[in-house]
Amino acid sequence: MERQTKLKAAARFLSMGYSISEVAKAVDLSVEEVTTEVINSQTHTGEDDRTQ
């Protein structure tokens, strides 16, 4: 459950423009975990950089 909360916080920080490495430090996850979350969230919502 704690991991899910961290991932939600990571997604919020990323949407605010923080870098992946800054977000990873802030939520105490690895850069790889945050990167995976970004990829998964874009895949599940159908978003990519071209739509923003």
C-alpha atoms as a PDB file:
ATOM      1  CA  MET A   1       0.000   0.000   0.000  1.00  0.00           C
ATOM      2  CA  GLU A   2       2.830   2.404   0.804  1.00  0.00           C
ATOM      3  CA  ARG A   3       4.358   1.771  -2.626  1.00  0.00           C
ATOM      4  CA  GLN A   4       1.100   2.727  -4.348  1.00  0.00           C
ATOM      5  CA  THR A   5       1.039   5.994  -2.422  1.00  0.00           C
ATOM      6  CA  LYS A   6       4.634   6.715  -3.459  1.00  0.00           C
ATOM      7  CA  LEU A   7       3.792   6.016  -7.102  1.00  0.00           C
ATOM      8  CA  LYS A   8       0.804   8.364  -6.988  1.00  0.00           C
ATOM      9  CA  ALA A   9       2.969  11.074  -5.442  1.00  0.00           C
ATOM     10  CA  ALA A  10       5.636  10.443  -8.084  1.00  0.00           C
ATOM     11  CA  ALA A  11       3.089  10.881 -10.861  1.00  0.00           C
ATOM     12  CA  ARG A  12       1.937  14.161  -9.320  1.00  0.00           C
ATOM     13  CA  PHE A  13       5.490  15.495  -9.011  1.00  0.00           C
ATOM     14  CA  LEU A  14       6.231  14.528 -12.608  1.00  0.00           C
ATOM     15  CA  SER A  15       3.115  16.334 -13.811  1.00  0.00           C
ATOM     16  CA  MET A  16       4.398  19.431 -11.992  1.00  0.00           C
ATOM     17  CA  GLY A  17       7.579  19.349 -14.055  1.00  0.00           C
ATOM     18  CA  TYR A  18      10.058  17.793 -11.641  1.00  0.00           C
ATOM     19  CA  SER A  19      12.747  15.587 -13.174  1.00  0.00           C
ATOM     20  CA  ILE A  20      12.645  11.838 -12.731  1.00  0.00           C
ATOM     21  CA  SER A  21      15.735  11.895 -10.512  1.00  0.00           C
ATOM     22  CA  GLU A  22      14.239  14.636  -8.300  1.00  0.00           C
ATOM     23  CA  VAL A  23      11.008  12.688  -7.984  1.00  0.00           C
ATOM     24  CA  ALA A  24      12.821   9.449  -7.176  1.00  0.00           C
ATOM     25  CA  LYS A  25      14.652  11.157  -4.314  1.00  0.00           C
ATOM     26  CA  ALA A  26      11.499  12.854  -3.031  1.00  0.00           C
ATOM     27  CA  VAL A  27       9.416   9.689  -2.827  1.00  0.00           C
ATOM     28  CA  ASP A  28      12.259   7.300  -1.955  1.00  0.00           C
ATOM     29  CA  LEU A  29      11.987   5.131  -5.068  1.00  0.00           C
ATOM     30  CA  SER A  30      14.614   4.230  -7.632  1.00  0.00           C
ATOM     31  CA  VAL A  31      14.876   6.102 -10.917  1.00  0.00           C
ATOM     32  CA  GLU A  32      13.953   2.817 -12.619  1.00  0.00           C
ATOM     33  CA  GLU A  33      10.747   2.513 -10.590  1.00  0.00           C
ATOM     34  CA  VAL A  34       9.724   6.081 -11.384  1.00  0.00           C
ATOM     35  CA  THR A  35      10.577   5.605 -15.067  1.00  0.00           C
ATOM     36  CA  THR A  36       8.499   2.426 -15.186  1.00  0.00           C
ATOM     37  CA  GLU A  37       5.604   4.298 -13.611  1.00  0.00           C
ATOM     38  CA  VAL A  38       5.828   7.015 -16.269  1.00  0.00           C
ATOM     39  CA  ILE A  39       5.799   4.456 -19.060  1.00  0.00           C
ATOM     40  CA  ASN A  40       2.911   2.536 -17.491  1.00  0.00           C
ATOM     41  CA  SER A  41       0.822   5.645 -16.876  1.00  0.00           C
ATOM     42  CA  GLN A  42       1.274   6.787 -20.478  1.00  0.00           C
ATOM     43  CA  THR A  43       0.422   3.330 -21.794  1.00  0.00           C
ATOM     44  CA  HIS A  44      -2.716   3.034 -19.670  1.00  0.00           C
ATOM     45  CA  THR A  45      -4.030   6.496 -20.480  1.00  0.00           C
ATOM     46  CA  GLY A  46      -3.035   6.499 -24.132  1.00  0.00           C
ATOM     47  CA  GLU A  47      -0.922   9.620 -23.649  1.00  0.00           C
ATOM     48  CA  ASP A  48       2.507  10.340 -24.997  1.00  0.00           C
ATOM     49  CA  ASP A  49       4.695  13.395 -25.450  1.00  0.00           C
ATOM     50  CA  ARG A  50       2.988  14.309 -28.726  1.00  0.00           C
ATOM     51  CA  THR A  51      -0.377  14.899 -27.030  1.00  0.00           C
ATOM     52  CA  GLN A  52       0.850  17.352 -24.449  1.00  0.00           C
END
